[in-house]
């Protein structure tokens, strides 16, 4: 199986903009990535 780099897609909604990360194996590191990007905030993961 080949390694596929994750892709980040920006959803441009002005002050409500957010990123979507797409790729294999992202859930295993999701907690660390979320805490890095949103320290002290709440987040939802949709699979």
PDB file of N, CA and C in Angstrom:
ATOM      1  N   UNK A   1       0.850  -1.175   0.000  1.00  0.00           N
ATOM      2  CA  UNK A   1       0.000   0.000   0.000  1.00  0.00           C
ATOM      3  C   UNK A   1       0.893   1.234   0.000  1.00  0.00           C
ATOM      4  N   UNK A   2       0.572   2.216  -0.793  1.00  0.00           N
ATOM      5  CA  UNK A   2       1.380   3.430  -0.856  1.00  0.00           C
ATOM      6  C   UNK A   2       0.947   4.418   0.223  1.00  0.00           C
ATOM      7  N   UNK A   3       1.904   5.234   0.668  1.00  0.00           N
ATOM      8  CA  UNK A   3       1.596   6.277   1.644  1.00  0.00           C
ATOM      9  C   UNK A   3       0.925   7.439   0.927  1.00  0.00           C
ATOM     10  N   UNK A   4      -0.166   7.898   1.493  1.00  0.00           N
ATOM     11  CA  UNK A   4      -0.900   9.026   0.932  1.00  0.00           C
ATOM     12  C   UNK A   4      -0.869  10.143   1.961  1.00  0.00           C
ATOM     13  N   UNK A   5      -0.369  11.298   1.556  1.00  0.00           N
ATOM     14  CA  UNK A   5      -0.303  12.439   2.469  1.00  0.00           C
ATOM     15  C   UNK A   5      -1.702  13.008   2.679  1.00  0.00           C
ATOM     16  N   UNK A   6      -2.030  13.375   3.916  1.00  0.00           N
ATOM     17  CA  UNK A   6      -3.330  13.997   4.162  1.00  0.00           C
ATOM     18  C   UNK A   6      -3.472  15.304   3.385  1.00  0.00           C
ATOM     19  N   UNK A   7      -4.695  15.615   3.028  1.00  0.00           N
ATOM     20  CA  UNK A   7      -5.014  16.852   2.320  1.00  0.00           C
ATOM     21  C   UNK A   7      -5.852  17.707   3.261  1.00  0.00           C
ATOM     22  N   UNK A   8      -5.548  18.993   3.329  1.00  0.00           N
ATOM     23  CA  UNK A   8      -6.343  19.923   4.127  1.00  0.00           C
ATOM     24  C   UNK A   8      -7.132  20.816   3.182  1.00  0.00           C
ATOM     25  N   UNK A   9      -8.447  20.840   3.376  1.00  0.00           N
ATOM     26  CA  UNK A   9      -9.338  21.656   2.560  1.00  0.00           C
ATOM     27  C   UNK A   9      -9.895  22.763   3.450  1.00  0.00           C
ATOM     28  N   UNK A  10      -9.719  24.002   3.033  1.00  0.00           N
ATOM     29  CA  UNK A  10     -10.251  25.129   3.803  1.00  0.00           C
ATOM     30  C   UNK A  10     -11.681  25.411   3.375  1.00  0.00           C
ATOM     31  N   UNK A  11     -12.576  25.484   4.342  1.00  0.00           N
ATOM     32  CA  UNK A  11     -13.959  25.875   4.085  1.00  0.00           C
ATOM     33  C   UNK A  11     -14.047  27.353   4.439  1.00  0.00           C
ATOM     34  N   UNK A  12     -14.070  28.195   3.426  1.00  0.00           N
ATOM     35  CA  UNK A  12     -14.015  29.639   3.627  1.00  0.00           C
ATOM     36  C   UNK A  12     -15.372  30.231   3.951  1.00  0.00           C
ATOM     37  N   UNK A  13     -15.587  30.519   5.205  1.00  0.00           N
ATOM     38  CA  UNK A  13     -16.847  31.117   5.645  1.00  0.00           C
ATOM     39  C   UNK A  13     -16.586  32.389   6.443  1.00  0.00           C
ATOM     40  N   UNK A  14     -15.595  33.141   6.014  1.00  0.00           N
ATOM     41  CA  UNK A  14     -15.273  34.375   6.729  1.00  0.00           C
ATOM     42  C   UNK A  14     -14.780  34.080   8.134  1.00  0.00           C
ATOM     43  N   UNK A  15     -15.398  34.690   9.135  1.00  0.00           N
ATOM     44  CA  UNK A  15     -14.962  34.482  10.514  1.00  0.00           C
ATOM     45  C   UNK A  15     -15.369  33.117  11.061  1.00  0.00           C
ATOM     46  N   UNK A  16     -16.131  32.341  10.285  1.00  0.00           N
ATOM     47  CA  UNK A  16     -16.510  30.981  10.691  1.00  0.00           C
ATOM     48  C   UNK A  16     -15.773  29.921   9.869  1.00  0.00           C
ATOM     49  N   UNK A  17     -14.703  30.291   9.192  1.00  0.00           N
ATOM     50  CA  UNK A  17     -13.949  29.362   8.345  1.00  0.00           C
ATOM     51  C   UNK A  17     -13.346  28.240   9.185  1.00  0.00           C
ATOM     52  N   UNK A  18     -13.168  27.083   8.559  1.00  0.00           N
ATOM     53  CA  UNK A  18     -12.533  25.953   9.227  1.00  0.00           C
ATOM     54  C   UNK A  18     -11.859  25.071   8.193  1.00  0.00           C
ATOM     55  N   UNK A  19     -10.981  24.201   8.668  1.00  0.00           N
ATOM     56  CA  UNK A  19     -10.275  23.261   7.803  1.00  0.00           C
ATOM     57  C   UNK A  19     -10.861  21.872   7.955  1.00  0.00           C
ATOM     58  N   UNK A  20     -10.821  21.109   6.877  1.00  0.00           N
ATOM     59  CA  UNK A  20     -11.168  19.694   6.891  1.00  0.00           C
ATOM     60  C   UNK A  20      -9.919  18.942   6.469  1.00  0.00           C
ATOM     61  N   UNK A  21      -9.495  17.987   7.280  1.00  0.00           N
ATOM     62  CA  UNK A  21      -8.343  17.152   6.927  1.00  0.00           C
ATOM     63  C   UNK A  21      -8.871  15.825   6.399  1.00  0.00           C
ATOM     64  N   UNK A  22      -8.363  15.405   5.235  1.00  0.00           N
ATOM     65  CA  UNK A  22      -8.823  14.191   4.572  1.00  0.00           C
ATOM     66  C   UNK A  22      -7.625  13.293   4.325  1.00  0.00           C
ATOM     67  N   UNK A  23      -7.723  12.037   4.741  1.00  0.00           N
ATOM     68  CA  UNK A  23      -6.640  11.103   4.485  1.00  0.00           C
ATOM     69  C   UNK A  23      -6.764   9.868   5.350  1.00  0.00           C
ATOM     70  N   UNK A  24      -6.018   8.838   5.003  1.00  0.00           N
ATOM     71  CA  UNK A  24      -6.062   7.591   5.761  1.00  0.00           C
ATOM     72  C   UNK A  24      -5.306   7.717   7.082  1.00  0.00           C
ATOM     73  N   UNK A  25      -5.812   7.048   8.112  1.00  0.00           N
ATOM     74  CA  UNK A  25      -5.107   6.960   9.384  1.00  0.00           C
ATOM     75  C   UNK A  25      -5.117   8.208  10.242  1.00  0.00           C
ATOM     76  N   UNK A  26      -5.952   9.176   9.945  1.00  0.00           N
ATOM     77  CA  UNK A  26      -5.950  10.429  10.704  1.00  0.00           C
ATOM     78  C   UNK A  26      -6.568  10.290  12.093  1.00  0.00           C
ATOM     79  N   UNK A  27      -7.482   9.358  12.278  1.00  0.00           N
ATOM     80  CA  UNK A  27      -8.145   9.238  13.574  1.00  0.00           C
ATOM     81  C   UNK A  27      -7.189   8.880  14.704  1.00  0.00           C
ATOM     82  N   UNK A  28      -6.152   8.121  14.416  1.00  0.00           N
ATOM     83  CA  UNK A  28      -5.224   7.716  15.478  1.00  0.00           C
ATOM     84  C   UNK A  28      -4.493   8.901  16.095  1.00  0.00           C
ATOM     85  N   UNK A  29      -4.321   9.980  15.360  1.00  0.00           N
ATOM     86  CA  UNK A  29      -3.655  11.166  15.892  1.00  0.00           C
ATOM     87  C   UNK A  29      -4.583  12.356  16.054  1.00  0.00           C
ATOM     88  N   UNK A  30      -5.890  12.104  15.990  1.00  0.00           N
ATOM     89  CA  UNK A  30      -6.862  13.201  16.005  1.00  0.00           C
ATOM     90  C   UNK A  30      -6.826  14.007  17.296  1.00  0.00           C
ATOM     91  N   UNK A  31      -6.725  13.346  18.429  1.00  0.00           N
ATOM     92  CA  UNK A  31      -6.721  14.070  19.701  1.00  0.00           C
ATOM     93  C   UNK A  31      -5.579  15.063  19.792  1.00  0.00           C
ATOM     94  N   UNK A  32      -4.396  14.638  19.410  1.00  0.00           N
ATOM     95  CA  UNK A  32      -3.226  15.514  19.445  1.00  0.00           C
ATOM     96  C   UNK A  32      -3.383  16.680  18.465  1.00  0.00           C
ATOM     97  N   UNK A  33      -3.852  16.394  17.274  1.00  0.00           N
ATOM     98  CA  UNK A  33      -4.029  17.443  16.260  1.00  0.00           C
ATOM     99  C   UNK A  33      -5.079  18.462  16.696  1.00  0.00           C
ATOM    100  N   UNK A  34      -6.174  17.988  17.252  1.00  0.00           N
ATOM    101  CA  UNK A  34      -7.228  18.900  17.707  1.00  0.00           C
ATOM    102  C   UNK A  34      -6.726  19.770  18.852  1.00  0.00           C
ATOM    103  N   UNK A  35      -6.032  19.175  19.810  1.00  0.00           N
ATOM    104  CA  UNK A  35      -5.541  19.965  20.945  1.00  0.00           C
ATOM    105  C   UNK A  35      -4.491  20.981  20.503  1.00  0.00           C
ATOM    106  N   UNK A  36      -3.729  20.656  19.475  1.00  0.00           N
ATOM    107  CA  UNK A  36      -2.731  21.590  18.957  1.00  0.00           C
ATOM    108  C   UNK A  36      -3.395  22.781  18.267  1.00  0.00           C
ATOM    109  N   UNK A  37      -4.447  22.502  17.495  1.00  0.00           N
ATOM    110  CA  UNK A  37      -5.117  23.558  16.732  1.00  0.00           C
ATOM    111  C   UNK A  37      -6.123  24.359  17.551  1.00  0.00           C
ATOM    112  N   UNK A  38      -6.724  23.719  18.554  1.00  0.00           N
ATOM    113  CA  UNK A  38      -7.798  24.366  19.317  1.00  0.00           C
ATOM    114  C   UNK A  38      -7.568  24.222  20.818  1.00  0.00           C
ATOM    115  N   UNK A  39      -6.506  24.767  21.349  1.00  0.00           N
ATOM    116  CA  UNK A  39      -6.243  24.587  22.784  1.00  0.00           C
ATOM    117  C   UNK A  39      -7.374  25.161  23.640  1.00  0.00           C
ATOM    118  N   UNK A  40      -7.869  24.332  24.560  1.00  0.00           N
ATOM    119  CA  UNK A  40      -8.921  24.776  25.468  1.00  0.00           C
ATOM    120  C   UNK A  40     -10.299  24.914  24.854  1.00  0.00           C
ATOM    121  N   UNK A  41     -10.489  24.398  23.634  1.00  0.00           N
ATOM    122  CA  UNK A  41     -11.787  24.537  22.956  1.00  0.00           C
ATOM    123  C   UNK A  41     -12.413  23.173  22.752  1.00  0.00           C
ATOM    124  N   UNK A  42     -13.666  23.152  22.395  1.00  0.00           N
ATOM    125  CA  UNK A  42     -14.385  21.914  22.099  1.00  0.00           C
ATOM    126  C   UNK A  42     -14.386  21.684  20.591  1.00  0.00           C
ATOM    127  N   UNK A  43     -14.463  20.421  20.206  1.00  0.00           N
ATOM    128  CA  UNK A  43     -14.463  20.083  18.784  1.00  0.00           C
ATOM    129  C   UNK A  43     -15.291  18.825  18.561  1.00  0.00           C
ATOM    130  N   UNK A  44     -15.729  18.626  17.324  1.00  0.00           N
ATOM    131  CA  UNK A  44     -16.455  17.420  16.941  1.00  0.00           C
ATOM    132  C   UNK A  44     -15.685  16.726  15.832  1.00  0.00           C
ATOM    133  N   UNK A  45     -15.665  15.393  15.899  1.00  0.00           N
ATOM    134  CA  UNK A  45     -15.039  14.591  14.852  1.00  0.00           C
ATOM    135  C   UNK A  45     -16.147  13.815  14.162  1.00  0.00           C
ATOM    136  N   UNK A  46     -16.247  13.972  12.846  1.00  0.00           N
ATOM    137  CA  UNK A  46     -17.264  13.280  12.062  1.00  0.00           C
ATOM    138  C   UNK A  46     -16.554  12.299  11.152  1.00  0.00           C
ATOM    139  N   UNK A  47     -16.951  11.030  11.256  1.00  0.00           N
ATOM    140  CA  UNK A  47     -16.316  10.007  10.418  1.00  0.00           C
ATOM    141  C   UNK A  47     -17.330   9.375   9.502  1.00  0.00           C
TER     142      UNK A  47
END
